[in-house]
Protein backbone atom coordinates (compact mmCIF):
# COMPACT_ATOMS: atom_id res chain seq x y z
CA MET A 1 70.77 -25.34 -15.10
CA ALA A 2 70.35 -21.40 -15.14
CA GLN A 3 71.45 -20.82 -11.79
CA ALA A 4 74.58 -18.21 -11.82
CA VAL A 5 77.73 -19.43 -10.32
CA GLU A 6 79.90 -17.37 -8.42
CA ILE A 7 83.19 -16.95 -9.35
CA PRO A 8 84.54 -14.82 -7.23
CA ASP A 9 88.15 -14.22 -9.02
CA PRO A 10 87.80 -11.62 -11.83
CA GLU A 11 90.52 -12.61 -14.10
CA LEU A 12 89.30 -16.25 -14.05
CA ARG A 13 85.64 -15.10 -14.76
CA ARG A 14 87.06 -13.34 -17.75
CA MET A 15 88.85 -16.14 -19.02
CA ILE A 16 86.00 -18.53 -18.93
CA TRP A 17 83.63 -15.17 -21.03
CA ARG A 18 86.45 -15.68 -23.60
CA ALA A 19 85.94 -19.82 -23.66
CA LEU A 20 82.09 -19.35 -23.67
CA ASN A 21 82.97 -16.38 -26.49
CA GLU A 22 79.67 -14.68 -24.45
CA PRO A 23 79.59 -10.55 -23.23
CA PRO A 24 80.35 -10.64 -19.61
CA GLY A 25 77.08 -11.60 -17.58
CA ASP A 26 75.95 -14.30 -15.35
CA ILE A 27 77.91 -17.29 -15.55
CA THR A 28 75.69 -20.40 -15.30
CA VAL A 29 75.56 -24.10 -14.51
CA ALA A 30 74.98 -24.87 -18.22
CA ASP A 31 77.45 -22.23 -19.26
CA LEU A 32 79.88 -24.11 -17.01
CA GLU A 33 79.13 -27.54 -17.74
CA SER A 34 79.24 -27.47 -21.60
CA LEU A 35 83.06 -26.18 -21.29
CA THR A 36 85.09 -29.16 -22.19
CA GLU A 37 88.77 -26.32 -22.53
CA LEU A 38 89.71 -23.82 -20.43
CA ASP A 39 93.30 -21.73 -21.57
CA ALA A 40 93.59 -19.41 -18.50
CA SER A 41 97.18 -19.12 -18.85
CA LEU A 42 99.32 -16.03 -18.35
CA ASN A 43 99.93 -15.69 -22.13
CA ALA A 44 95.99 -16.35 -22.80
CA ARG A 45 95.38 -13.49 -20.62
CA ALA A 46 98.02 -11.39 -21.22
CA GLU A 47 96.82 -11.63 -24.71
CA HIS A 48 93.67 -9.81 -23.93
CA TRP A 49 94.58 -8.04 -21.39
CA ASP A 50 94.13 -3.97 -21.39
CA TRP A 51 97.68 -2.53 -20.17
CA GLU A 52 96.59 0.80 -19.37
CA ALA A 53 94.13 -0.53 -16.57
CA GLY A 54 97.86 -1.68 -14.40
CA PRO A 55 100.22 -4.58 -14.10
CA LEU A 56 97.98 -8.25 -14.86
CA PRO A 57 96.79 -9.48 -11.80
CA LEU A 58 97.04 -13.47 -10.56
CA ILE A 59 94.51 -15.99 -10.46
CA GLU A 60 93.57 -15.55 -6.61
CA SER A 61 90.51 -18.17 -6.18
CA TRP A 62 89.17 -20.73 -8.57
CA GLU A 63 86.06 -20.90 -7.11
CA GLY A 64 83.15 -21.75 -9.13
CA LEU A 65 85.35 -24.05 -11.07
CA GLU A 66 84.16 -27.26 -9.79
CA THR A 67 80.95 -26.63 -11.88
CA ALA A 68 83.10 -27.70 -14.84
CA ARG A 69 82.38 -31.16 -14.99
CA ASN A 70 83.13 -32.08 -18.46
CA LEU A 71 86.24 -29.95 -18.49
CA VAL A 72 88.57 -32.05 -20.80
CA SER A 73 91.57 -29.47 -21.07
CA LEU A 74 92.94 -27.28 -18.36
CA ASN A 75 95.92 -24.59 -18.77
CA LEU A 76 96.83 -22.42 -16.01
CA ARG A 77 100.62 -22.30 -16.59
CA GLY A 78 102.26 -19.24 -16.02
CA GLY A 79 105.39 -17.77 -18.23
CA TRP A 80 108.14 -15.61 -18.40
CA GLY A 81 109.02 -11.65 -18.44
CA TRP A 82 111.54 -9.30 -18.57
CA ASP A 83 112.81 -10.30 -14.83
CA GLY A 84 112.14 -13.79 -15.60
CA MET A 85 109.67 -16.40 -14.35
CA VAL A 86 106.46 -15.02 -13.78
CA SER A 87 103.27 -16.89 -11.77
CA ASN A 88 99.99 -17.10 -13.39
CA LEU A 89 98.23 -17.97 -9.86
CA ALA A 90 98.85 -17.03 -6.02
CA ILE A 91 97.86 -19.88 -4.84
CA PRO A 92 100.98 -22.22 -3.96
CA ASP A 93 99.16 -24.82 -2.13
CA LEU A 94 96.64 -26.26 -4.69
CA ALA A 95 94.09 -28.87 -4.18
CA LEU A 96 92.15 -29.24 -7.01
CA PRO A 97 88.18 -30.32 -7.24
CA SER A 98 87.07 -33.47 -7.18
CA THR A 99 84.12 -32.81 -9.23
CA LEU A 100 86.13 -32.37 -12.52
CA THR A 101 85.40 -35.80 -12.96
CA ALA A 102 86.33 -35.70 -16.94
CA LEU A 103 89.53 -33.72 -17.10
CA GLU A 104 92.37 -35.24 -19.09
CA SER A 105 94.85 -32.85 -19.48
CA LEU A 106 96.43 -30.05 -16.68
CA ASP A 107 99.11 -27.59 -17.22
CA LEU A 108 100.59 -25.60 -14.31
CA ASP A 109 103.72 -25.06 -15.28
CA HIS A 110 105.61 -21.93 -13.87
CA ASN A 111 103.69 -21.13 -11.24
CA GLN A 112 105.73 -21.42 -8.00
CA LEU A 113 104.03 -24.33 -6.72
CA THR A 114 105.00 -25.56 -3.36
CA SER A 115 102.51 -28.50 -2.95
CA LEU A 116 99.88 -30.03 -5.54
CA THR A 117 97.25 -32.89 -4.50
CA LEU A 118 94.89 -34.91 -6.99
CA PRO A 119 91.56 -35.82 -5.51
CA GLN A 120 90.45 -39.38 -6.62
CA GLY A 121 88.00 -37.83 -8.45
CA LEU A 122 90.30 -36.80 -11.02
CA ALA A 123 90.19 -40.42 -12.33
CA ARG A 124 90.71 -39.36 -16.11
CA LEU A 125 93.96 -37.55 -15.82
CA GLN A 126 96.41 -38.68 -18.33
CA THR A 127 99.06 -35.52 -18.47
CA LEU A 128 100.05 -33.38 -15.60
CA SER A 129 102.91 -30.81 -16.44
CA VAL A 130 104.29 -28.97 -13.18
CA HIS A 131 107.83 -27.48 -14.56
CA GLY A 132 109.19 -24.40 -12.92
CA ASN A 133 107.59 -24.74 -9.78
CA SER A 134 109.27 -25.76 -6.59
CA LEU A 135 107.16 -28.83 -5.24
CA LEU A 136 107.94 -30.68 -2.19
CA THR A 137 104.96 -32.61 -1.97
CA LEU A 138 102.83 -34.00 -5.26
CA ALA A 139 99.90 -36.31 -3.84
CA VAL A 140 98.22 -38.77 -6.31
CA PRO A 141 95.46 -41.41 -5.41
CA GLU A 142 97.56 -44.61 -5.91
CA SER A 143 94.83 -46.32 -7.67
CA TRP A 144 95.29 -44.31 -11.16
CA LEU A 145 99.34 -43.28 -10.76
CA SER A 146 99.98 -45.88 -13.28
CA GLN A 147 97.89 -44.50 -16.06
CA LEU A 148 99.09 -40.49 -15.40
CA VAL A 149 102.09 -38.89 -17.51
CA ILE A 150 103.74 -36.28 -15.25
CA TYR A 151 106.19 -33.80 -16.70
CA GLY A 152 108.37 -31.68 -14.57
CA PHE A 153 108.16 -34.06 -11.55
CA PRO A 154 109.90 -37.40 -10.14
CA ARG A 155 107.56 -40.00 -9.95
CA ASP A 156 109.49 -41.64 -7.48
CA LYS A 157 108.96 -38.60 -5.44
CA VAL A 158 105.26 -38.74 -5.85
CA THR A 159 103.14 -39.12 -2.74
CA LEU A 160 100.57 -42.39 -3.05
CA LEU A 161 97.21 -41.58 -1.51
CA PRO A 162 95.04 -44.54 -0.12
CA SER A 163 92.17 -45.56 -2.41
CA THR A 164 88.85 -45.12 -0.54
CA HIS A 165 88.38 -48.40 -2.52
CA ARG A 166 90.67 -51.32 -3.96
CA PHE A 167 91.03 -54.52 -6.10
CA HIS A 168 91.46 -57.25 -3.78
CA PRO A 169 93.59 -60.46 -5.68
CA ALA A 170 91.02 -61.71 -8.60
CA THR A 171 90.35 -65.16 -9.79
CA LEU A 172 90.52 -66.82 -13.33
CA LEU A 173 88.33 -69.41 -13.29
CA SER A 174 88.26 -73.03 -15.42
CA ASP A 175 86.32 -71.33 -18.61
CA GLY A 176 88.52 -68.40 -19.17
CA ARG A 177 86.72 -65.71 -17.26
CA LEU A 178 87.85 -63.39 -14.45
CA ARG A 179 86.54 -62.87 -11.08
CA LEU A 180 87.39 -59.70 -9.57
CA PHE A 181 86.35 -58.89 -5.96
CA LEU A 182 86.37 -55.17 -4.85
CA SER A 183 85.77 -53.11 -1.11
CA GLY A 184 85.01 -49.67 0.01
CA PRO A 185 82.88 -47.86 2.34
CA PRO A 186 79.24 -49.45 2.90
CA GLY A 187 76.76 -47.87 0.57
CA GLN A 188 79.57 -46.30 -2.04
CA TYR A 189 78.18 -46.47 -5.49
CA VAL A 190 81.57 -47.07 -7.43
CA HIS A 191 82.07 -47.75 -11.67
CA VAL A 192 84.23 -50.26 -12.77
CA GLN A 193 86.14 -49.67 -15.84
CA ARG A 194 87.99 -51.38 -18.42
CA SER A 195 90.72 -51.14 -20.79
CA ALA A 196 92.60 -52.84 -23.27
CA ASN A 197 95.52 -50.15 -23.39
CA LEU A 198 95.47 -48.07 -20.69
CA VAL A 199 94.37 -45.19 -22.52
CA ASP A 200 90.64 -45.75 -23.67
CA TRP A 201 88.47 -46.71 -20.81
CA GLU A 202 84.60 -47.75 -20.71
CA VAL A 203 82.43 -47.79 -17.54
CA TRP A 204 81.65 -51.78 -17.70
CA ARG A 205 79.87 -52.18 -14.24
CA THR A 206 78.33 -50.15 -11.49
CA VAL A 207 78.47 -51.72 -8.27
CA THR A 208 77.03 -50.89 -4.76
CA LEU A 209 79.62 -51.85 -2.02
CA ASP A 210 78.01 -53.30 1.15
CA GLY A 211 80.51 -54.37 4.63
CA THR A 212 81.63 -57.20 2.34
CA GLY A 213 82.64 -55.69 -0.74
CA GLY A 214 81.33 -56.11 -4.54
CA GLU A 215 82.04 -58.98 -6.82
CA VAL A 216 81.82 -58.51 -10.75
CA THR A 217 82.76 -61.49 -13.47
CA ASP A 218 84.03 -60.76 -17.07
CA GLU A 219 82.39 -63.11 -18.90
CA THR A 220 84.74 -62.18 -22.02
CA THR A 221 87.39 -64.65 -22.14
CA ALA A 222 89.16 -63.43 -25.69
CA ALA A 223 91.00 -60.97 -24.99
CA SER A 224 94.56 -60.91 -24.98
CA GLN A 225 94.89 -58.24 -22.23
CA ARG A 226 92.29 -56.19 -20.58
CA PHE A 227 93.08 -53.53 -17.57
CA TYR A 228 90.61 -52.85 -14.67
CA ARG A 229 90.07 -49.88 -12.28
CA VAL A 230 87.49 -48.96 -10.01
CA VAL A 231 86.22 -44.52 -9.52
CA ASP A 232 83.37 -43.24 -7.30
CA ASP A 233 80.23 -42.12 -8.48
CA ASN A 234 78.55 -39.67 -6.80
CA SER A 235 74.65 -40.84 -7.52
CA ALA A 236 72.61 -43.69 -7.44
CA PRO A 237 73.14 -46.16 -10.15
CA GLY A 238 70.60 -45.24 -13.08
CA GLU A 239 70.62 -41.13 -12.05
């Protein structure tokens, strides 16, 4: 946890220091795992920029940010200057780290993005804002598109990424219990989550998939409605 994490981009590093309320120095694994919010937007960076040092540079890399596993909100939006829209990122084709598993809100407005891929690991993401970009492709795992609110890109143009695991038709038993079947790569650990409203999710079961898939039964019969989803787990049950 005390190991230093390399953050090559000086602007990203500067804004992480500010979010941690720490002076410049090493940023450790523990530091990044303590982050729940990071505002590295153009406006936030400009507010604390030394303009005598020259123009505000773009963020060119977010290497190291993948360690911020508990990050809930990430703001990387650009803004408007004297000559029109000003990008915040020098990364036109984005593929976010799959390790940001706690992320719920992502703001990428006004960044001149041309493509964006959301990996399976971002299964908690609820809001995505991409206004003011030139997106040709927005790719989202099909297993959790239904929970995601997208601003600035038409849903019918979203590219669906096939899930590495999926549910099969469920069976309603005579006593009201629901039996679920899922499949995926053998040896994979997955969490089955459930929700009554598609907003608040709880980890309900952890399943080890084998060549024949997995089976779980919901013993609760009183719920008027319930939703289920399956997300990756990179560790063995109990770890």
